[in-house]
Amino acid sequence: MEQTPGQGQADAEGPLSGIVVLDLSRALSGPHAAMMLGDQGARVIKVEERVSGDQTRSWGPFVRGDQNDQDVSTYFLSCNRNKESITLDLKSEEGRATLRSLVRRADVLVENFRPGVLDRLGLDAATVSELNPRLVLLSISGFGHDGPEGQRPGYDQIAQGEGGLMSVTGSGPGDEQRVGVAISDVLAGMYGAFGVVSALVERDRTGRGQVVRTSLLASVVGVHAFQGTRWTVAGEVPQPVGNHHPTIAPYGLFRCKDGGVQIACGTDAHWRDLCDVLGLDPAAEDMGSGHIRVARRDRLVQILEEALSAWTAQDVLRALETAGVPAGRVRNLSEVYTWEQTLSQGLLVGVDHPQLGPITLPGPPLRFFSRTESGESEVTRRHHASPPMLDEHGAQIRTWLEELVD
């Protein structure tokens, strides 16, 4: 799809440059998927309600810039970089006509309405296919688009509980806890973006778009990993075990003289090296076997923390690094975002917000390199556009649509 200069996307470089994404979603799952596509160069046009816009614009915490007295949601900033904003009244014929024009010109449409809402907007499957047979439609719901509970509204905390994630997270049985971020929304967005890219590859072969569907429930079940096969294959119902791995030991958070350290012995060799550092006998109390260590985890933790009580966190981490035993700190976010390793990976990006001025955002987690005869050359996108103000690009987008008609 043809793009125009000055579209609010900073630089349009990236593997998805030339792709137009129509983002009808709100909150987190759909916006995260659309942002991932925008990060890789797609032009993302975010359609918002006229008065309030995306509901996350009203979710705190807020910051206030120097340009005027309007508060800006940091929640909104987290999932809407590299997008343009246009407001439409989708209850009016004018708004729906503009929406249909955008659908005709888009490569991808992202929505996370409850099942049936898109049909009521006049974008049922038959209409979308007639308007744009090449369109890839990503549809994200709470619990799936069909089935006995497909109409349930979905929010992250509900999905974490219903999808079993909370049942394996927490200090122990009876103390189930949610993951500290809206993980089902973020995962649904990630799965959705992957589905979109897969469907675009398929479109190159067939010339036709597809409908890609996922849900908060599916995203949580999709990351059960070994906890899922513990039930489906071994018949075990996993329970939370706090800051320790349920099937590997020692693998968790341990107290030393001045705080905690994380130690992960993924192999018996790691265990022996850990014992060598701490002056322990790796075969004592039958701890030489991995499954015995798991079965006697409480005693194992006691033994290790007694030995670690003579060590500072800094000293033990330095010794374990020398020994080749995987270990680390528990950093708060201020420490993560000032850590040289984080900075070296390009995980922070600077943007110029129209109200706040220069701000720093958590950035895309992907890096790209071209291979040449002389080695690798990084081609990761370096310049990103700020999350937009409400309707910031409305006039520009309408002009673009009119030019295409002409």
Protein backbone atom coordinates (compact mmCIF):
# COMPACT_ATOMS: atom_id res chain seq x y z
CA MET A 1 0.00 0.00 0.00
CA GLU A 2 1.23 3.49 -0.89
CA GLN A 3 2.35 5.70 1.97
CA THR A 4 2.93 9.42 2.07
CA PRO A 5 5.68 11.47 3.67
CA GLY A 6 5.14 12.99 7.08
CA GLN A 7 2.77 10.29 8.24
CA GLY A 8 3.82 10.46 11.89
CA GLN A 9 5.81 7.24 11.71
CA ALA A 10 9.31 8.72 12.10
CA ASP A 11 11.40 6.64 9.71
CA ALA A 12 9.48 4.01 7.74
CA GLU A 13 12.37 1.59 7.57
CA GLY A 14 11.91 -2.01 8.62
CA PRO A 15 10.80 -5.36 7.18
CA LEU A 16 7.12 -4.28 7.20
CA SER A 17 7.70 -0.95 5.47
CA GLY A 18 4.88 -0.39 2.96
CA ILE A 19 2.28 -2.32 4.99
CA VAL A 20 -0.71 -0.28 6.23
CA VAL A 21 -2.30 -1.39 9.51
CA LEU A 22 -5.71 -0.15 10.59
CA ASP A 23 -5.84 -0.35 14.40
CA LEU A 24 -9.41 -0.38 15.72
CA SER A 25 -8.36 -1.90 19.03
CA ARG A 26 -8.15 -0.39 22.49
CA ALA A 27 -6.72 -1.14 25.93
CA LEU A 28 -3.65 -3.39 25.58
CA SER A 29 -3.81 -6.64 23.58
CA GLY A 30 -4.69 -5.20 20.16
CA PRO A 31 -2.67 -2.01 20.60
CA HIS A 32 0.36 -4.08 21.57
CA ALA A 33 0.00 -6.20 18.42
CA ALA A 34 -0.35 -3.11 16.23
CA MET A 35 2.61 -1.46 17.94
CA MET A 36 4.77 -4.49 17.20
CA LEU A 37 3.86 -4.17 13.52
CA GLY A 38 4.57 -0.44 13.62
CA ASP A 39 7.94 -1.08 15.24
CA GLN A 40 8.93 -3.04 12.15
CA GLY A 41 8.02 -0.26 9.73
CA ALA A 42 4.32 -0.69 9.06
CA ARG A 43 2.20 2.45 8.89
CA VAL A 44 -0.30 2.09 11.76
CA ILE A 45 -3.45 4.22 11.71
CA LYS A 46 -5.21 4.14 15.07
CA VAL A 47 -8.94 4.84 14.98
CA GLU A 48 -10.28 6.28 18.25
CA GLU A 49 -13.56 7.53 19.65
CA ARG A 50 -14.17 11.23 19.13
CA VAL A 51 -14.29 12.47 22.73
CA SER A 52 -12.24 10.15 24.95
CA GLY A 53 -10.21 8.06 22.54
CA ASP A 54 -8.65 4.78 23.61
CA GLN A 55 -9.76 3.98 27.16
CA THR A 56 -6.15 3.77 28.31
CA ARG A 57 -5.82 7.53 27.79
CA SER A 58 -7.73 7.76 31.10
CA TRP A 59 -5.62 5.16 32.93
CA GLY A 60 -2.84 6.44 35.19
CA PRO A 61 -0.29 7.18 36.29
CA PHE A 62 -0.27 10.52 34.45
CA VAL A 63 2.40 13.05 33.59
CA ARG A 64 1.92 16.69 32.63
CA GLY A 65 4.02 18.40 30.02
CA ASP A 66 5.07 22.00 29.52
CA GLN A 67 2.96 22.60 26.42
CA ASN A 68 -0.43 22.81 28.19
CA ASP A 69 -2.20 21.52 31.26
CA GLN A 70 -3.48 18.26 29.77
CA ASP A 71 -2.40 15.08 31.53
CA VAL A 72 -0.86 12.26 29.49
CA SER A 73 -1.35 8.60 30.43
CA THR A 74 1.86 6.63 30.83
CA TYR A 75 -0.25 3.50 30.25
CA PHE A 76 -1.23 4.77 26.79
CA LEU A 77 2.40 5.66 26.09
CA SER A 78 3.42 2.04 26.76
CA CYS A 79 1.58 0.49 23.82
CA ASN A 80 1.03 3.10 21.11
CA ARG A 81 4.38 4.24 19.73
CA ASN A 82 4.83 4.40 15.95
CA LYS A 83 1.15 5.11 15.28
CA GLU A 84 -1.04 7.87 13.88
CA SER A 85 -4.37 8.83 15.48
CA ILE A 86 -7.65 9.69 13.79
CA THR A 87 -10.99 10.03 15.56
CA LEU A 88 -14.21 8.78 13.96
CA ASP A 89 -17.83 8.74 15.06
CA LEU A 90 -18.64 5.17 14.07
CA LYS A 91 -22.32 5.74 14.83
CA SER A 92 -22.51 8.26 11.97
CA GLU A 93 -22.62 7.44 8.28
CA GLU A 94 -19.72 9.82 7.66
CA GLY A 95 -17.58 8.00 10.21
CA ARG A 96 -18.47 4.61 8.81
CA ALA A 97 -17.76 5.78 5.27
CA THR A 98 -14.29 6.92 6.31
CA LEU A 99 -13.76 3.61 8.07
CA ARG A 100 -14.73 1.70 4.91
CA SER A 101 -12.27 3.81 2.92
CA LEU A 102 -9.53 2.92 5.38
CA VAL A 103 -10.43 -0.78 5.17
CA ARG A 104 -10.15 -0.65 1.37
CA ARG A 105 -6.62 0.73 1.63
CA ALA A 106 -5.27 -1.29 4.53
CA ASP A 107 -3.27 -4.49 4.48
CA VAL A 108 -4.13 -5.41 8.07
CA LEU A 109 -7.02 -4.64 10.42
CA VAL A 110 -6.58 -5.19 14.16
CA GLU A 111 -9.59 -5.31 16.49
CA ASN A 112 -10.33 -6.61 19.97
CA PHE A 113 -14.05 -5.96 20.33
CA ARG A 114 -16.32 -8.54 21.88
CA PRO A 115 -17.44 -11.08 19.24
CA GLY A 116 -20.15 -9.58 17.04
CA VAL A 117 -19.28 -5.90 17.48
CA LEU A 118 -17.36 -5.71 14.20
CA ASP A 119 -20.42 -7.07 12.38
CA ARG A 120 -22.56 -4.34 13.93
CA LEU A 121 -20.10 -1.75 12.61
CA GLY A 122 -20.88 -3.01 9.11
CA LEU A 123 -17.66 -4.98 8.78
CA ASP A 124 -18.93 -8.55 8.71
CA ALA A 125 -16.85 -11.16 6.91
CA ALA A 126 -18.68 -10.82 3.60
CA THR A 127 -18.44 -7.02 3.58
CA VAL A 128 -14.75 -7.01 4.47
CA SER A 129 -14.04 -9.56 1.75
CA GLU A 130 -15.89 -7.39 -0.77
CA LEU A 131 -14.16 -4.19 0.32
CA ASN A 132 -10.68 -5.68 0.40
CA PRO A 133 -10.11 -9.37 -0.37
CA ARG A 134 -6.39 -8.97 0.45
CA LEU A 135 -7.04 -7.70 3.99
CA VAL A 136 -5.60 -9.67 6.90
CA LEU A 137 -7.93 -9.33 9.88
CA LEU A 138 -6.56 -9.90 13.38
CA SER A 139 -9.33 -10.40 15.91
CA ILE A 140 -8.52 -10.75 19.63
CA SER A 141 -11.20 -11.69 22.17
CA GLY A 142 -11.29 -12.55 25.83
CA PHE A 143 -12.16 -16.26 25.74
CA GLY A 144 -12.37 -17.12 22.04
CA HIS A 145 -14.83 -16.23 19.32
CA ASP A 146 -16.99 -19.32 19.72
CA GLY A 147 -17.59 -22.07 22.26
CA PRO A 148 -19.98 -21.97 25.23
CA GLU A 149 -18.31 -18.91 26.82
CA GLY A 150 -17.14 -17.05 23.74
CA GLN A 151 -19.23 -13.97 24.56
CA ARG A 152 -17.59 -13.33 27.92
CA PRO A 153 -15.76 -10.00 28.24
CA GLY A 154 -12.07 -10.43 28.96
CA TYR A 155 -9.66 -8.55 31.12
CA ASP A 156 -6.16 -9.68 32.02
CA GLN A 157 -6.70 -10.57 35.68
CA ILE A 158 -9.74 -12.67 34.80
CA ALA A 159 -7.86 -14.47 32.04
CA GLN A 160 -4.84 -15.13 34.27
CA GLY A 161 -7.14 -16.83 36.76
CA GLU A 162 -9.38 -18.68 34.33
CA GLY A 163 -6.43 -19.76 32.19
CA GLY A 164 -4.59 -21.37 35.11
CA LEU A 165 -1.61 -19.01 35.23
CA MET A 166 -2.44 -17.78 38.73
CA SER A 167 -2.72 -21.39 39.93
CA VAL A 168 1.02 -21.90 39.33
CA THR A 169 2.11 -18.43 40.52
CA GLY A 170 2.49 -17.47 44.17
CA SER A 171 4.26 -18.41 47.36
CA GLY A 172 2.50 -21.74 47.68
CA PRO A 173 -0.87 -23.51 47.62
CA GLY A 174 -3.60 -21.16 48.77
CA ASP A 175 -1.60 -18.03 47.89
CA GLU A 176 -2.23 -17.72 44.15
CA GLN A 177 -0.90 -14.50 42.64
CA ARG A 178 -1.23 -12.66 39.35
CA VAL A 179 1.82 -11.93 37.23
CA GLY A 180 2.88 -8.32 37.83
CA VAL A 181 2.10 -7.12 34.31
CA ALA A 182 -1.00 -7.66 32.13
CA ILE A 183 0.67 -10.70 30.69
CA SER A 184 -2.33 -12.25 28.92
CA ASP A 185 -2.90 -9.01 26.99
CA VAL A 186 0.75 -8.69 26.01
CA LEU A 187 0.97 -12.35 25.00
CA ALA A 188 -2.24 -12.14 22.96
CA GLY A 189 -0.74 -9.15 21.17
CA MET A 190 2.48 -11.03 20.50
CA TYR A 191 0.69 -14.12 19.21
CA GLY A 192 -1.57 -11.88 17.16
CA ALA A 193 1.32 -10.03 15.53
CA PHE A 194 2.96 -13.36 14.70
CA GLY A 195 -0.31 -14.53 13.16
CA VAL A 196 -0.54 -11.37 11.06
CA VAL A 197 2.96 -11.76 9.66
CA SER A 198 2.24 -15.43 8.90
CA ALA A 199 -0.96 -14.46 7.08
CA LEU A 200 0.89 -11.80 5.07
CA VAL A 201 3.35 -14.47 3.90
CA GLU A 202 0.41 -16.68 2.91
CA ARG A 203 -1.14 -13.73 1.05
CA ASP A 204 2.00 -13.45 -1.06
CA ARG A 205 1.24 -16.98 -2.31
CA THR A 206 -2.54 -16.82 -2.68
CA GLY A 207 -3.31 -13.14 -3.17
CA ARG A 208 -6.01 -13.27 -0.48
CA GLY A 209 -6.05 -12.27 3.15
CA GLN A 210 -7.14 -14.38 6.10
CA VAL A 211 -8.80 -13.95 9.47
CA VAL A 212 -6.43 -14.53 12.40
CA ARG A 213 -8.07 -15.13 15.77
CA THR A 214 -6.61 -15.44 19.24
CA SER A 215 -7.72 -14.61 22.77
CA LEU A 216 -6.48 -13.78 26.22
CA LEU A 217 -7.38 -17.33 27.27
CA ALA A 218 -5.49 -18.85 24.34
CA SER A 219 -2.43 -16.72 25.04
CA VAL A 220 -2.25 -17.92 28.64
CA VAL A 221 -2.81 -21.58 27.80
CA GLY A 222 -0.26 -21.21 25.00
CA VAL A 223 2.53 -20.44 27.48
CA HIS A 224 1.85 -23.17 30.02
CA ALA A 225 4.86 -24.97 28.50
CA PHE A 226 6.08 -27.81 30.77
CA GLN A 227 3.40 -26.99 33.35
CA GLY A 228 0.80 -27.95 30.74
CA THR A 229 2.39 -31.28 29.88
CA ARG A 230 2.74 -32.07 33.58
CA TRP A 231 -1.04 -32.41 33.47
CA THR A 232 -1.74 -33.59 29.90
CA VAL A 233 0.97 -36.27 29.95
CA ALA A 234 1.93 -36.97 33.57
CA GLY A 235 -1.45 -36.31 35.17
CA GLU A 236 -0.01 -33.91 37.77
CA VAL A 237 -1.86 -30.74 38.77
CA PRO A 238 0.87 -28.10 39.26
CA GLN A 239 0.73 -25.77 42.24
CA PRO A 240 2.65 -22.57 43.02
CA VAL A 241 6.03 -23.03 44.67
CA GLY A 242 7.04 -19.42 45.19
CA ASN A 243 10.41 -18.27 43.91
CA HIS A 244 11.66 -21.77 43.16
CA HIS A 245 11.36 -23.93 40.05
CA PRO A 246 8.78 -26.69 40.39
CA THR A 247 10.89 -29.41 38.70
CA ILE A 248 14.54 -28.26 38.93
CA ALA A 249 16.59 -27.65 42.07
CA PRO A 250 18.37 -25.58 43.14
CA TYR A 251 16.73 -23.03 40.90
CA GLY A 252 15.36 -19.96 42.63
CA LEU A 253 15.86 -17.06 45.01
CA PHE A 254 18.11 -17.60 48.04
CA ARG A 255 18.94 -15.34 50.98
CA CYS A 256 22.53 -14.39 51.71
CA LYS A 257 24.07 -11.97 54.24
CA ASP A 258 22.69 -8.75 52.78
CA GLY A 259 19.84 -9.74 50.48
CA GLY A 260 18.82 -12.25 47.88
CA VAL A 261 20.52 -13.87 44.92
CA GLN A 262 19.04 -16.03 42.20
CA ILE A 263 20.81 -19.28 41.40
CA ALA A 264 19.85 -21.64 38.58
CA CYS A 265 21.49 -25.06 38.49
CA GLY A 266 20.11 -26.46 35.28
CA THR A 267 22.55 -29.41 35.30
CA ASP A 268 24.25 -31.64 37.86
CA ALA A 269 27.53 -30.05 36.78
CA HIS A 270 26.18 -26.66 37.86
CA TRP A 271 25.23 -28.19 41.20
CA ARG A 272 28.71 -29.55 41.74
CA ASP A 273 30.27 -26.21 40.79
CA LEU A 274 27.94 -24.40 43.20
CA CYS A 275 28.90 -26.74 46.00
CA ASP A 276 32.57 -26.21 45.23
CA VAL A 277 32.12 -22.43 45.60
CA LEU A 278 30.20 -22.76 48.87
CA GLY A 279 32.36 -25.50 50.36
CA LEU A 280 29.59 -28.13 50.35
CA ASP A 281 29.63 -31.83 49.52
CA PRO A 282 27.42 -32.25 46.42
CA ALA A 283 26.62 -35.86 47.36
CA ALA A 284 25.76 -35.18 51.01
CA GLU A 285 22.27 -36.17 52.17
CA ASP A 286 21.69 -37.84 48.77
CA MET A 287 21.56 -34.42 47.11
CA GLY A 288 23.68 -35.56 44.16
CA SER A 289 20.55 -36.52 42.23
CA GLY A 290 18.37 -33.87 40.65
CA HIS A 291 15.05 -35.54 41.41
CA ILE A 292 16.07 -36.01 45.04
CA ARG A 293 16.91 -32.30 45.29
CA VAL A 294 13.46 -31.45 43.95
CA ALA A 295 11.75 -33.83 46.37
CA ARG A 296 13.72 -32.38 49.30
CA ARG A 297 13.64 -28.76 48.18
CA ASP A 298 12.90 -27.35 51.65
CA ARG A 299 15.95 -29.04 53.13
CA LEU A 300 18.04 -28.02 50.12
CA VAL A 301 17.09 -24.36 50.55
CA GLN A 302 17.99 -24.57 54.24
CA ILE A 303 21.44 -26.02 53.46
CA LEU A 304 22.20 -23.41 50.81
CA GLU A 305 20.99 -20.43 52.83
CA GLU A 306 23.06 -21.54 55.82
CA ALA A 307 26.13 -21.54 53.58
CA LEU A 308 25.15 -18.27 51.88
CA SER A 309 24.66 -16.48 55.21
CA ALA A 310 28.42 -15.87 55.31
CA TRP A 311 28.43 -14.25 51.85
CA THR A 312 27.40 -10.83 50.57
CA ALA A 313 25.33 -10.85 47.41
CA GLN A 314 28.07 -9.11 45.44
CA ASP A 315 30.74 -11.59 46.54
CA VAL A 316 28.69 -14.69 45.85
CA LEU A 317 27.60 -13.46 42.43
CA ARG A 318 31.20 -12.71 41.51
CA ALA A 319 32.30 -16.18 42.66
CA LEU A 320 29.48 -17.94 40.84
CA GLU A 321 30.22 -16.04 37.63
CA THR A 322 33.84 -17.20 37.80
CA ALA A 323 32.64 -20.78 38.39
CA GLY A 324 30.19 -20.65 35.49
CA VAL A 325 27.08 -21.11 37.64
CA PRO A 326 24.09 -19.10 36.33
CA ALA A 327 23.13 -16.49 38.94
CA GLY A 328 21.84 -12.95 39.19
CA ARG A 329 20.22 -10.15 41.15
CA VAL A 330 16.61 -9.09 41.46
CA ARG A 331 16.56 -5.58 40.01
CA ASN A 332 13.80 -3.03 40.35
CA LEU A 333 12.77 -1.18 37.19
CA SER A 334 14.87 1.89 37.93
CA GLU A 335 17.89 -0.41 38.08
CA VAL A 336 16.87 -2.28 34.91
CA TYR A 337 16.48 0.89 32.86
CA THR A 338 19.85 2.29 33.94
CA TRP A 339 21.74 -1.02 33.60
CA GLU A 340 24.46 -0.88 30.96
CA GLN A 341 23.42 -4.27 29.57
CA THR A 342 19.86 -3.06 29.01
CA LEU A 343 21.14 0.07 27.30
CA SER A 344 23.55 -1.91 25.12
CA GLN A 345 20.65 -3.95 23.70
CA GLY A 346 18.71 -0.94 22.47
CA LEU A 347 15.83 -1.61 24.84
CA LEU A 348 15.15 2.08 25.41
CA VAL A 349 14.15 4.50 22.67
CA GLY A 350 13.90 8.27 22.71
CA VAL A 351 10.92 9.99 21.07
CA ASP A 352 9.72 13.58 20.84
CA HIS A 353 6.21 13.78 22.29
CA PRO A 354 4.10 16.73 21.05
CA GLN A 355 3.11 17.66 24.60
CA LEU A 356 5.79 16.20 26.87
CA GLY A 357 8.79 16.91 24.67
CA PRO A 358 11.69 14.40 24.58
CA ILE A 359 10.79 11.25 26.54
CA THR A 360 12.24 7.76 26.86
CA LEU A 361 10.14 4.64 26.28
CA PRO A 362 10.81 0.93 26.65
CA GLY A 363 11.67 -0.13 23.12
CA PRO A 364 11.21 -3.10 20.77
CA PRO A 365 12.92 -6.34 21.89
CA LEU A 366 14.02 -7.35 18.37
CA ARG A 367 17.25 -6.49 16.58
CA PHE A 368 17.99 -7.12 12.90
CA PHE A 369 21.32 -7.74 11.16
CA SER A 370 22.19 -8.09 7.50
CA ARG A 371 24.79 -10.69 6.59
CA THR A 372 27.60 -9.72 4.26
CA GLU A 373 30.83 -11.32 3.17
CA SER A 374 32.66 -9.16 5.71
CA GLY A 375 30.34 -10.06 8.60
CA GLU A 376 27.13 -8.69 10.10
CA SER A 377 25.78 -5.17 9.91
CA GLU A 378 22.95 -4.07 12.20
CA VAL A 379 19.92 -2.68 10.39
CA THR A 380 17.61 -2.34 13.39
CA ARG A 381 15.24 0.61 13.19
CA ARG A 382 16.71 3.45 15.23
CA HIS A 383 14.14 6.23 15.00
CA HIS A 384 10.64 5.87 16.39
CA ALA A 385 7.55 8.07 16.52
CA SER A 386 5.94 9.15 19.77
CA PRO A 387 2.55 7.76 20.77
CA PRO A 388 0.09 10.21 19.19
CA MET A 389 -2.15 12.79 20.75
CA LEU A 390 -5.86 12.18 20.15
CA ASP A 391 -6.71 12.86 16.47
CA GLU A 392 -3.22 14.25 15.91
CA HIS A 393 -3.15 12.96 12.33
CA GLY A 394 -6.86 13.08 11.49
CA ALA A 395 -6.69 15.84 8.88
CA GLN A 396 -3.58 14.34 7.30
CA ILE A 397 -5.15 10.88 7.00
CA ARG A 398 -8.33 12.29 5.43
CA THR A 399 -6.25 14.19 2.88
CA TRP A 400 -4.37 10.99 2.08
CA LEU A 401 -7.66 9.14 1.49
CA GLU A 402 -8.92 11.91 -0.79
CA GLU A 403 -5.70 11.89 -2.81
CA LEU A 404 -6.00 8.15 -3.37
CA VAL A 405 -9.56 8.58 -4.63
CA ASP A 406 -8.43 11.26 -7.04
